[in-house]
Amino acid sequence: MENIEAIVARLEKLEFHVKLLAESLNHTENPIASLVVDFNWSEQDLDSAHDIFEMFDKKLHESKKINWNELEKEFTQKLNISYQGLKSVVLAFNRNGQWTEVCHAYASSFGNSVPLELKSISLGNVR
């Protein structure tokens, strides 16, 4: 069994390599991979994000009235994502062609005050 110092050194080296690989990711071509790395998500965290989007997609398809603050609250509670971070999440999923209806509805929910980051989505540009 290796000593603690050797294990720590190997972990630090791996973290450095992952950081360099993450910096080489193109967020336009690999939006979800970039998102996962940026937010330090696990596979379970990514699944939780999908679950949240799925819940709101179901509401959309059932024509239920949606309070979009609930989306923000879900991401805050389950993934510790702030409102600012949620904009990155919505952009990444939209760029990846996933949950685009939810992304568009969320961006459009701001009416005439759509955040700059989400304008391309509210105007109907998927990518």
C-alpha atoms as a PDB file:
ATOM      1  CA  MET A   1       0.000   0.000   0.000  1.00  0.00           C
ATOM      2  CA  GLU A   2       1.265   3.441  -0.940  1.00  0.00           C
ATOM      3  CA  ASN A   3       1.950   6.016   1.686  1.00  0.00           C
ATOM      4  CA  ILE A   4      -0.344   9.016   2.050  1.00  0.00           C
ATOM      5  CA  GLU A   5       2.132  11.462   0.486  1.00  0.00           C
ATOM      6  CA  ALA A   6       2.403   9.392  -2.699  1.00  0.00           C
ATOM      7  CA  ILE A   7      -1.387   9.112  -2.961  1.00  0.00           C
ATOM      8  CA  VAL A   8      -1.812  12.855  -2.452  1.00  0.00           C
ATOM      9  CA  ALA A   9       0.853  13.555  -5.097  1.00  0.00           C
ATOM     10  CA  ARG A  10      -0.928  11.274  -7.592  1.00  0.00           C
ATOM     11  CA  LEU A  11      -4.274  12.939  -6.864  1.00  0.00           C
ATOM     12  CA  GLU A  12      -2.782  16.393  -7.333  1.00  0.00           C
ATOM     13  CA  LYS A  13      -1.289  15.283 -10.650  1.00  0.00           C
ATOM     14  CA  LEU A  14      -4.641  13.883 -11.796  1.00  0.00           C
ATOM     15  CA  GLU A  15      -6.427  17.074 -10.755  1.00  0.00           C
ATOM     16  CA  PHE A  16      -3.911  19.106 -12.742  1.00  0.00           C
ATOM     17  CA  HIS A  17      -4.399  16.914 -15.821  1.00  0.00           C
ATOM     18  CA  VAL A  18      -8.183  17.164 -15.557  1.00  0.00           C
ATOM     19  CA  LYS A  19      -7.927  20.943 -15.204  1.00  0.00           C
ATOM     20  CA  LEU A  20      -5.842  21.149 -18.379  1.00  0.00           C
ATOM     21  CA  LEU A  21      -8.266  18.886 -20.240  1.00  0.00           C
ATOM     22  CA  ALA A  22     -11.196  20.983 -19.039  1.00  0.00           C
ATOM     23  CA  GLU A  23      -9.546  24.156 -20.322  1.00  0.00           C
ATOM     24  CA  SER A  24      -9.283  22.565 -23.756  1.00  0.00           C
ATOM     25  CA  LEU A  25     -13.016  21.820 -23.918  1.00  0.00           C
ATOM     26  CA  ASN A  26     -14.946  23.967 -26.349  1.00  0.00           C
ATOM     27  CA  HIS A  27     -18.166  25.017 -24.600  1.00  0.00           C
ATOM     28  CA  THR A  28     -19.925  25.441 -27.947  1.00  0.00           C
ATOM     29  CA  GLU A  29     -19.008  22.007 -29.275  1.00  0.00           C
ATOM     30  CA  ASN A  30     -19.161  20.202 -25.918  1.00  0.00           C
ATOM     31  CA  PRO A  31     -21.592  22.231 -23.820  1.00  0.00           C
ATOM     32  CA  ILE A  32     -22.567  19.518 -21.340  1.00  0.00           C
ATOM     33  CA  ALA A  33     -19.022  18.305 -20.734  1.00  0.00           C
ATOM     34  CA  SER A  34     -17.935  21.907 -20.165  1.00  0.00           C
ATOM     35  CA  LEU A  35     -20.857  22.480 -17.815  1.00  0.00           C
ATOM     36  CA  VAL A  36     -20.069  19.368 -15.766  1.00  0.00           C
ATOM     37  CA  VAL A  37     -16.430  20.362 -15.421  1.00  0.00           C
ATOM     38  CA  ASP A  38     -17.189  24.032 -14.684  1.00  0.00           C
ATOM     39  CA  PHE A  39     -19.648  23.155 -11.922  1.00  0.00           C
ATOM     40  CA  ASN A  40     -17.638  20.141 -10.706  1.00  0.00           C
ATOM     41  CA  TRP A  41     -20.712  17.924 -11.123  1.00  0.00           C
ATOM     42  CA  SER A  42     -20.805  14.194 -10.673  1.00  0.00           C
ATOM     43  CA  GLU A  43     -22.791  11.890 -12.924  1.00  0.00           C
ATOM     44  CA  GLN A  44     -25.514  11.957 -10.258  1.00  0.00           C
ATOM     45  CA  ASP A  45     -25.574  15.786 -10.368  1.00  0.00           C
ATOM     46  CA  LEU A  46     -26.027  15.705 -14.147  1.00  0.00           C
ATOM     47  CA  ASP A  47     -28.854  13.196 -13.701  1.00  0.00           C
ATOM     48  CA  SER A  48     -30.479  15.561 -11.180  1.00  0.00           C
ATOM     49  CA  ALA A  49     -30.304  18.401 -13.701  1.00  0.00           C
ATOM     50  CA  HIS A  50     -31.986  16.174 -16.290  1.00  0.00           C
ATOM     51  CA  ASP A  51     -34.636  15.238 -13.735  1.00  0.00           C
ATOM     52  CA  ILE A  52     -35.405  18.904 -13.071  1.00  0.00           C
ATOM     53  CA  PHE A  53     -35.695  19.663 -16.776  1.00  0.00           C
ATOM     54  CA  GLU A  54     -37.863  16.583 -17.249  1.00  0.00           C
ATOM     55  CA  MET A  55     -40.225  17.760 -14.493  1.00  0.00           C
ATOM     56  CA  PHE A  56     -40.676  21.138 -16.211  1.00  0.00           C
ATOM     57  CA  ASP A  57     -40.935  19.547 -19.653  1.00  0.00           C
ATOM     58  CA  LYS A  58     -43.815  17.442 -18.338  1.00  0.00           C
ATOM     59  CA  LYS A  59     -45.523  20.578 -16.987  1.00  0.00           C
ATOM     60  CA  LEU A  60     -45.136  22.244 -20.384  1.00  0.00           C
ATOM     61  CA  HIS A  61     -46.633  19.284 -22.226  1.00  0.00           C
ATOM     62  CA  GLU A  62     -49.512  19.100 -19.770  1.00  0.00           C
ATOM     63  CA  SER A  63     -50.111  22.825 -20.351  1.00  0.00           C
ATOM     64  CA  LYS A  64     -49.759  23.536 -16.654  1.00  0.00           C
ATOM     65  CA  LYS A  65     -49.083  27.077 -15.486  1.00  0.00           C
ATOM     66  CA  ILE A  66     -45.421  27.284 -14.580  1.00  0.00           C
ATOM     67  CA  ASN A  67     -43.815  29.521 -11.995  1.00  0.00           C
ATOM     68  CA  TRP A  68     -40.275  29.751 -13.350  1.00  0.00           C
ATOM     69  CA  ASN A  69     -38.978  30.731  -9.927  1.00  0.00           C
ATOM     70  CA  GLU A  70     -39.625  27.075  -9.072  1.00  0.00           C
ATOM     71  CA  LEU A  71     -37.043  26.042 -11.683  1.00  0.00           C
ATOM     72  CA  GLU A  72     -34.518  28.357 -10.078  1.00  0.00           C
ATOM     73  CA  LYS A  73     -35.437  27.029  -6.632  1.00  0.00           C
ATOM     74  CA  GLU A  74     -35.005  23.389  -7.752  1.00  0.00           C
ATOM     75  CA  PHE A  75     -31.534  24.079  -9.111  1.00  0.00           C
ATOM     76  CA  THR A  76     -30.574  25.980  -5.977  1.00  0.00           C
ATOM     77  CA  GLN A  77     -31.822  23.289  -3.606  1.00  0.00           C
ATOM     78  CA  LYS A  78     -30.643  20.210  -5.496  1.00  0.00           C
ATOM     79  CA  LEU A  79     -27.437  21.432  -7.119  1.00  0.00           C
ATOM     80  CA  ASN A  80     -26.531  24.653  -5.290  1.00  0.00           C
ATOM     81  CA  ILE A  81     -26.816  26.565  -8.572  1.00  0.00           C
ATOM     82  CA  SER A  82     -27.535  30.284  -8.321  1.00  0.00           C
ATOM     83  CA  TYR A  83     -29.686  32.268 -10.718  1.00  0.00           C
ATOM     84  CA  GLN A  84     -26.523  33.351 -12.565  1.00  0.00           C
ATOM     85  CA  GLY A  85     -25.341  29.752 -12.772  1.00  0.00           C
ATOM     86  CA  LEU A  86     -28.733  28.605 -14.013  1.00  0.00           C
ATOM     87  CA  LYS A  87     -28.304  30.787 -17.094  1.00  0.00           C
ATOM     88  CA  SER A  88     -25.170  28.758 -17.939  1.00  0.00           C
ATOM     89  CA  VAL A  89     -27.053  25.512 -17.374  1.00  0.00           C
ATOM     90  CA  VAL A  90     -29.928  26.571 -19.631  1.00  0.00           C
ATOM     91  CA  LEU A  91     -27.513  27.716 -22.344  1.00  0.00           C
ATOM     92  CA  ALA A  92     -25.542  24.463 -22.207  1.00  0.00           C
ATOM     93  CA  PHE A  93     -28.580  22.218 -22.475  1.00  0.00           C
ATOM     94  CA  ASN A  94     -30.048  24.351 -25.242  1.00  0.00           C
ATOM     95  CA  ARG A  95     -26.761  24.308 -27.186  1.00  0.00           C
ATOM     96  CA  ASN A  96     -26.685  20.546 -26.788  1.00  0.00           C
ATOM     97  CA  GLY A  97     -30.206  20.264 -28.214  1.00  0.00           C
ATOM     98  CA  GLN A  98     -31.617  18.940 -24.950  1.00  0.00           C
ATOM     99  CA  TRP A  99     -34.711  20.235 -23.178  1.00  0.00           C
ATOM    100  CA  THR A 100     -34.927  23.009 -25.757  1.00  0.00           C
ATOM    101  CA  GLU A 101     -38.631  23.641 -25.154  1.00  0.00           C
ATOM    102  CA  VAL A 102     -37.997  24.184 -21.451  1.00  0.00           C
ATOM    103  CA  CYS A 103     -34.969  26.373 -22.202  1.00  0.00           C
ATOM    104  CA  HIS A 104     -36.982  28.488 -24.647  1.00  0.00           C
ATOM    105  CA  ALA A 105     -39.959  28.795 -22.288  1.00  0.00           C
ATOM    106  CA  TYR A 106     -37.684  29.794 -19.387  1.00  0.00           C
ATOM    107  CA  ALA A 107     -35.841  32.415 -21.471  1.00  0.00           C
ATOM    108  CA  SER A 108     -39.124  33.735 -22.847  1.00  0.00           C
ATOM    109  CA  SER A 109     -40.629  33.965 -19.362  1.00  0.00           C
ATOM    110  CA  PHE A 110     -38.676  37.181 -18.805  1.00  0.00           C
ATOM    111  CA  GLY A 111     -40.822  38.989 -21.381  1.00  0.00           C
ATOM    112  CA  ASN A 112     -39.119  42.190 -22.526  1.00  0.00           C
ATOM    113  CA  SER A 113     -36.413  41.830 -19.862  1.00  0.00           C
ATOM    114  CA  VAL A 114     -34.687  38.679 -21.147  1.00  0.00           C
ATOM    115  CA  PRO A 115     -31.154  38.456 -19.721  1.00  0.00           C
ATOM    116  CA  LEU A 116     -28.537  39.091 -22.393  1.00  0.00           C
ATOM    117  CA  GLU A 117     -27.153  35.560 -22.014  1.00  0.00           C
ATOM    118  CA  LEU A 118     -30.556  34.043 -22.857  1.00  0.00           C
ATOM    119  CA  LYS A 119     -31.609  36.347 -25.708  1.00  0.00           C
ATOM    120  CA  SER A 120     -30.530  33.913 -28.418  1.00  0.00           C
ATOM    121  CA  ILE A 121     -32.755  31.246 -26.883  1.00  0.00           C
ATOM    122  CA  SER A 122     -35.807  33.482 -26.490  1.00  0.00           C
ATOM    123  CA  LEU A 123     -35.451  34.548 -30.117  1.00  0.00           C
ATOM    124  CA  GLY A 124     -35.647  30.889 -31.128  1.00  0.00           C
ATOM    125  CA  ASN A 125     -32.024  30.275 -32.032  1.00  0.00           C
ATOM    126  CA  VAL A 126     -31.281  26.789 -30.755  1.00  0.00           C
ATOM    127  CA  ARG A 127     -27.499  26.961 -31.174  1.00  0.00           C
END
